[in-house]
Amino acid sequence: MNRRVDVATALRRLPRNLLRVPILFYRYSLSAFMGRQCRYLPTCSEFADQAISRHGAWAGGWMAAGRICRCHPWGGSGFEAVPVELPPKAAWYMPWRYARAPGKWSK
């Protein structure tokens, strides 16, 4: 019984772990060559890794994509932590709501 639970947990976490592989690859290889010039704190790769780890592949992936889209020369800057809870009124069929900046979520 205990072994079945472990296998089920591993299968459920497989998509999130597969999404973390390219992030870790970027962080430990390409980022060193390109330089660390992220405008936000934590960096975009750290934000993506935390969001995917905390909220799963679907919601965390959309949060990471939104953050990467906001990180450009004319975009914002500053501290933007991964939210503890998912945004209100966000549903799986409306993924753009996950990609909004946490300060922009309506309460």
N, C-alpha and C. Protein backbone atom coordinates (compact mmCIF):
# COMPACT_ATOMS: atom_id res chain seq x y z
N MET A 1 0.82 -1.20 0.00
CA MET A 1 0.00 0.00 0.00
C MET A 1 0.86 1.26 0.00
N ASN A 2 1.86 1.27 0.82
CA ASN A 2 2.73 2.44 0.94
C ASN A 2 3.49 2.68 -0.37
N ARG A 3 3.88 1.61 -1.03
CA ARG A 3 4.60 1.73 -2.29
C ARG A 3 3.71 2.30 -3.39
N ARG A 4 2.41 1.95 -3.39
CA ARG A 4 1.48 2.51 -4.37
C ARG A 4 1.32 4.00 -4.19
N VAL A 5 1.27 4.44 -2.97
CA VAL A 5 1.14 5.86 -2.70
C VAL A 5 2.37 6.60 -3.20
N ASP A 6 3.56 6.03 -3.01
CA ASP A 6 4.79 6.66 -3.48
C ASP A 6 4.83 6.75 -4.99
N VAL A 7 4.40 5.71 -5.68
CA VAL A 7 4.37 5.72 -7.14
C VAL A 7 3.35 6.73 -7.64
N ALA A 8 2.20 6.79 -7.02
CA ALA A 8 1.18 7.75 -7.42
C ALA A 8 1.67 9.19 -7.22
N THR A 9 2.35 9.44 -6.11
CA THR A 9 2.89 10.77 -5.85
C THR A 9 3.95 11.13 -6.88
N ALA A 10 4.81 10.19 -7.20
CA ALA A 10 5.86 10.45 -8.20
C ALA A 10 5.27 10.73 -9.57
N LEU A 11 4.23 10.00 -9.95
CA LEU A 11 3.60 10.25 -11.25
C LEU A 11 2.87 11.60 -11.28
N ARG A 12 2.28 11.97 -10.16
CA ARG A 12 1.59 13.25 -10.10
C ARG A 12 2.58 14.42 -10.18
N ARG A 13 3.78 14.24 -9.66
CA ARG A 13 4.78 15.30 -9.68
C ARG A 13 5.65 15.29 -10.93
N LEU A 14 5.47 14.33 -11.80
CA LEU A 14 6.30 14.22 -13.00
C LEU A 14 6.25 15.46 -13.90
N PRO A 15 5.08 16.02 -14.23
CA PRO A 15 5.06 17.21 -15.09
C PRO A 15 5.81 18.40 -14.48
N ARG A 16 5.66 18.59 -13.18
CA ARG A 16 6.35 19.72 -12.56
C ARG A 16 7.86 19.50 -12.55
N ASN A 17 8.30 18.28 -12.35
CA ASN A 17 9.74 18.01 -12.38
C ASN A 17 10.31 18.11 -13.79
N LEU A 18 9.51 17.73 -14.79
CA LEU A 18 9.98 17.87 -16.17
C LEU A 18 10.11 19.33 -16.58
N LEU A 19 9.26 20.19 -16.08
CA LEU A 19 9.38 21.62 -16.37
C LEU A 19 10.55 22.27 -15.64
N ARG A 20 10.93 21.72 -14.53
CA ARG A 20 12.06 22.29 -13.77
C ARG A 20 13.40 21.98 -14.41
N VAL A 21 13.50 20.94 -15.22
CA VAL A 21 14.78 20.56 -15.84
C VAL A 21 15.34 21.67 -16.72
N PRO A 22 14.57 22.24 -17.68
CA PRO A 22 15.16 23.31 -18.49
C PRO A 22 15.49 24.56 -17.67
N ILE A 23 14.73 24.82 -16.61
CA ILE A 23 15.03 25.98 -15.77
C ILE A 23 16.38 25.79 -15.08
N LEU A 24 16.58 24.61 -14.53
CA LEU A 24 17.86 24.34 -13.87
C LEU A 24 19.02 24.32 -14.86
N PHE A 25 18.77 23.81 -16.07
CA PHE A 25 19.79 23.84 -17.11
C PHE A 25 20.18 25.28 -17.43
N TYR A 26 19.19 26.14 -17.62
CA TYR A 26 19.46 27.55 -17.91
C TYR A 26 20.23 28.19 -16.75
N ARG A 27 19.77 27.95 -15.54
CA ARG A 27 20.38 28.61 -14.39
C ARG A 27 21.85 28.25 -14.21
N TYR A 28 22.18 27.00 -14.44
CA TYR A 28 23.55 26.56 -14.17
C TYR A 28 24.45 26.49 -15.40
N SER A 29 23.93 26.83 -16.58
CA SER A 29 24.81 26.82 -17.76
C SER A 29 24.70 28.13 -18.54
N LEU A 30 23.58 28.40 -19.13
CA LEU A 30 23.44 29.57 -20.00
C LEU A 30 23.49 30.88 -19.23
N SER A 31 22.95 30.93 -18.05
CA SER A 31 22.93 32.16 -17.27
C SER A 31 24.33 32.65 -16.95
N ALA A 32 25.25 31.73 -16.75
CA ALA A 32 26.63 32.13 -16.45
C ALA A 32 27.28 32.82 -17.65
N PHE A 33 26.93 32.41 -18.86
CA PHE A 33 27.51 33.02 -20.06
C PHE A 33 26.83 34.34 -20.42
N MET A 34 25.53 34.42 -20.21
CA MET A 34 24.78 35.61 -20.58
C MET A 34 24.89 36.72 -19.55
N GLY A 35 25.26 36.40 -18.35
CA GLY A 35 25.32 37.40 -17.29
C GLY A 35 24.02 37.46 -16.54
N ARG A 36 24.10 37.85 -15.31
CA ARG A 36 22.91 37.93 -14.47
C ARG A 36 22.41 39.37 -14.48
N GLN A 37 21.42 39.62 -15.32
CA GLN A 37 20.93 40.97 -15.49
C GLN A 37 19.43 41.06 -15.30
N CYS A 38 18.87 40.23 -14.49
CA CYS A 38 17.42 40.24 -14.29
C CYS A 38 17.03 41.49 -13.51
N ARG A 39 15.92 42.09 -13.90
CA ARG A 39 15.45 43.33 -13.29
C ARG A 39 14.67 43.07 -12.01
N TYR A 40 14.28 41.85 -11.80
CA TYR A 40 13.45 41.49 -10.64
C TYR A 40 14.27 40.72 -9.62
N LEU A 41 13.75 40.71 -8.42
CA LEU A 41 14.30 39.87 -7.36
C LEU A 41 13.15 39.09 -6.78
N PRO A 42 13.14 37.81 -6.68
CA PRO A 42 14.14 36.85 -7.16
C PRO A 42 14.20 36.85 -8.69
N THR A 43 15.30 36.32 -9.21
CA THR A 43 15.48 36.32 -10.66
C THR A 43 14.36 35.51 -11.31
N CYS A 44 14.23 35.68 -12.61
CA CYS A 44 13.14 35.00 -13.33
C CYS A 44 13.25 33.48 -13.23
N SER A 45 14.47 32.96 -13.28
CA SER A 45 14.61 31.51 -13.19
C SER A 45 14.27 31.01 -11.79
N GLU A 46 14.64 31.76 -10.75
CA GLU A 46 14.27 31.37 -9.40
C GLU A 46 12.76 31.46 -9.20
N PHE A 47 12.16 32.52 -9.74
CA PHE A 47 10.71 32.68 -9.65
C PHE A 47 9.99 31.51 -10.33
N ALA A 48 10.44 31.16 -11.54
CA ALA A 48 9.81 30.06 -12.27
C ALA A 48 9.95 28.75 -11.51
N ASP A 49 11.13 28.48 -10.98
CA ASP A 49 11.36 27.25 -10.24
C ASP A 49 10.47 27.19 -9.00
N GLN A 50 10.36 28.29 -8.26
CA GLN A 50 9.52 28.32 -7.07
C GLN A 50 8.04 28.21 -7.42
N ALA A 51 7.61 28.90 -8.48
CA ALA A 51 6.20 28.86 -8.86
C ALA A 51 5.78 27.47 -9.29
N ILE A 52 6.62 26.80 -10.07
CA ILE A 52 6.30 25.45 -10.53
C ILE A 52 6.34 24.47 -9.36
N SER A 53 7.29 24.64 -8.47
CA SER A 53 7.38 23.75 -7.31
C SER A 53 6.17 23.93 -6.39
N ARG A 54 5.74 25.16 -6.20
CA ARG A 54 4.66 25.45 -5.25
C ARG A 54 3.27 25.20 -5.82
N HIS A 55 3.04 25.59 -7.09
CA HIS A 55 1.69 25.56 -7.64
C HIS A 55 1.49 24.54 -8.75
N GLY A 56 2.49 23.77 -9.09
CA GLY A 56 2.34 22.75 -10.11
C GLY A 56 2.69 23.23 -11.49
N ALA A 57 2.62 22.32 -12.45
CA ALA A 57 3.06 22.60 -13.81
C ALA A 57 2.16 23.61 -14.51
N TRP A 58 0.85 23.49 -14.37
CA TRP A 58 -0.07 24.35 -15.11
C TRP A 58 -0.05 25.79 -14.58
N ALA A 59 -0.42 25.97 -13.33
CA ALA A 59 -0.49 27.32 -12.76
C ALA A 59 0.90 27.95 -12.63
N GLY A 60 1.86 27.19 -12.13
CA GLY A 60 3.21 27.71 -11.98
C GLY A 60 3.87 28.03 -13.31
N GLY A 61 3.60 27.20 -14.32
CA GLY A 61 4.14 27.47 -15.65
C GLY A 61 3.60 28.76 -16.23
N TRP A 62 2.31 29.02 -16.04
CA TRP A 62 1.72 30.28 -16.52
C TRP A 62 2.24 31.47 -15.73
N MET A 63 2.45 31.30 -14.43
CA MET A 63 3.03 32.39 -13.64
C MET A 63 4.44 32.71 -14.13
N ALA A 64 5.21 31.67 -14.41
CA ALA A 64 6.58 31.86 -14.92
C ALA A 64 6.57 32.53 -16.29
N ALA A 65 5.68 32.11 -17.16
CA ALA A 65 5.59 32.72 -18.49
C ALA A 65 5.22 34.20 -18.40
N GLY A 66 4.29 34.53 -17.52
CA GLY A 66 3.92 35.93 -17.33
C GLY A 66 5.07 36.75 -16.80
N ARG A 67 5.83 36.20 -15.89
CA ARG A 67 6.98 36.91 -15.33
C ARG A 67 8.05 37.13 -16.39
N ILE A 68 8.32 36.13 -17.20
CA ILE A 68 9.32 36.27 -18.25
C ILE A 68 8.88 37.31 -19.28
N CYS A 69 7.59 37.37 -19.57
CA CYS A 69 7.08 38.38 -20.51
C CYS A 69 7.17 39.78 -19.92
N ARG A 70 7.10 39.92 -18.60
CA ARG A 70 7.22 41.24 -17.98
C ARG A 70 8.66 41.69 -17.84
N CYS A 71 9.62 40.80 -17.99
CA CYS A 71 11.03 41.11 -17.78
C CYS A 71 11.65 41.53 -19.12
N HIS A 72 11.57 42.80 -19.42
CA HIS A 72 12.18 43.35 -20.64
C HIS A 72 12.61 44.77 -20.33
N PRO A 73 13.40 45.41 -21.19
CA PRO A 73 13.93 46.74 -20.87
C PRO A 73 12.89 47.79 -20.53
N TRP A 74 11.68 47.69 -21.04
CA TRP A 74 10.64 48.67 -20.75
C TRP A 74 9.66 48.18 -19.70
N GLY A 75 9.93 47.02 -19.15
CA GLY A 75 9.04 46.45 -18.14
C GLY A 75 9.36 46.96 -16.76
N GLY A 76 8.74 46.36 -15.78
CA GLY A 76 8.93 46.77 -14.41
C GLY A 76 10.21 46.20 -13.81
N SER A 77 10.38 46.46 -12.54
CA SER A 77 11.52 45.92 -11.81
C SER A 77 11.14 45.91 -10.33
N GLY A 78 11.98 45.31 -9.53
CA GLY A 78 11.75 45.30 -8.09
C GLY A 78 11.53 43.90 -7.55
N PHE A 79 11.00 43.84 -6.35
CA PHE A 79 10.78 42.56 -5.67
C PHE A 79 9.39 42.04 -6.01
N GLU A 80 9.34 40.82 -6.47
CA GLU A 80 8.08 40.16 -6.78
C GLU A 80 8.19 38.70 -6.39
N ALA A 81 7.66 38.35 -5.25
CA ALA A 81 7.75 36.99 -4.75
C ALA A 81 6.64 36.12 -5.35
N VAL A 82 6.85 34.83 -5.31
CA VAL A 82 5.82 33.89 -5.76
C VAL A 82 4.69 33.92 -4.73
N PRO A 83 3.46 34.08 -5.18
CA PRO A 83 2.35 34.13 -4.23
C PRO A 83 2.16 32.79 -3.51
N VAL A 84 1.72 32.88 -2.28
CA VAL A 84 1.49 31.68 -1.48
C VAL A 84 0.23 30.97 -1.97
N GLU A 85 -0.79 31.74 -2.31
CA GLU A 85 -2.05 31.17 -2.78
C GLU A 85 -2.27 31.54 -4.24
N LEU A 86 -3.07 30.76 -4.91
CA LEU A 86 -3.42 31.06 -6.30
C LEU A 86 -4.31 32.29 -6.35
N PRO A 87 -4.30 33.01 -7.46
CA PRO A 87 -5.11 34.22 -7.55
C PRO A 87 -6.60 33.91 -7.46
N PRO A 88 -7.37 34.86 -6.93
CA PRO A 88 -8.81 34.63 -6.87
C PRO A 88 -9.40 34.63 -8.28
N LYS A 89 -10.43 33.87 -8.46
CA LYS A 89 -11.16 33.76 -9.73
C LYS A 89 -10.32 33.20 -10.86
N ALA A 90 -9.22 32.53 -10.58
CA ALA A 90 -8.42 31.89 -11.62
C ALA A 90 -8.89 30.45 -11.78
N ALA A 91 -9.09 30.04 -12.98
CA ALA A 91 -9.52 28.68 -13.27
C ALA A 91 -8.60 28.09 -14.32
N TRP A 92 -8.57 26.79 -14.42
CA TRP A 92 -7.65 26.13 -15.34
C TRP A 92 -7.91 26.53 -16.78
N TYR A 93 -9.12 26.88 -17.14
CA TYR A 93 -9.44 27.24 -18.52
C TYR A 93 -9.20 28.73 -18.80
N MET A 94 -8.74 29.49 -17.82
CA MET A 94 -8.37 30.90 -18.00
C MET A 94 -6.93 31.10 -17.51
N PRO A 95 -5.94 30.54 -18.20
CA PRO A 95 -4.57 30.55 -17.68
C PRO A 95 -3.93 31.93 -17.63
N TRP A 96 -4.44 32.90 -18.39
CA TRP A 96 -3.84 34.23 -18.36
C TRP A 96 -4.00 34.89 -17.00
N ARG A 97 -4.94 34.42 -16.21
CA ARG A 97 -5.10 35.00 -14.88
C ARG A 97 -3.98 34.58 -13.93
N TYR A 98 -3.36 33.45 -14.21
CA TYR A 98 -2.20 33.06 -13.41
C TYR A 98 -0.99 33.92 -13.75
N ALA A 99 -0.92 34.40 -14.97
CA ALA A 99 0.26 35.12 -15.46
C ALA A 99 0.32 36.57 -15.00
N ARG A 100 -0.74 37.11 -14.43
CA ARG A 100 -0.72 38.49 -13.95
C ARG A 100 0.25 38.65 -12.79
N ALA A 101 0.75 39.85 -12.65
CA ALA A 101 1.61 40.16 -11.51
C ALA A 101 0.79 40.03 -10.23
N PRO A 102 1.37 39.48 -9.15
CA PRO A 102 0.60 39.29 -7.92
C PRO A 102 -0.01 40.58 -7.38
N GLY A 103 0.64 41.71 -7.56
CA GLY A 103 0.09 42.97 -7.09
C GLY A 103 -1.13 43.43 -7.88
N LYS A 104 -1.33 42.86 -9.06
CA LYS A 104 -2.43 43.25 -9.94
C LYS A 104 -3.68 42.41 -9.72
N TRP A 105 -3.62 41.40 -8.87
CA TRP A 105 -4.77 40.54 -8.65
C TRP A 105 -5.83 41.31 -7.90
N SER A 106 -7.04 41.24 -8.40
CA SER A 106 -8.14 41.89 -7.70
C SER A 106 -8.60 40.99 -6.56
N LYS A 107 -8.96 41.59 -5.48
CA LYS A 107 -9.35 40.81 -4.30
C LYS A 107 -10.82 40.60 -4.25
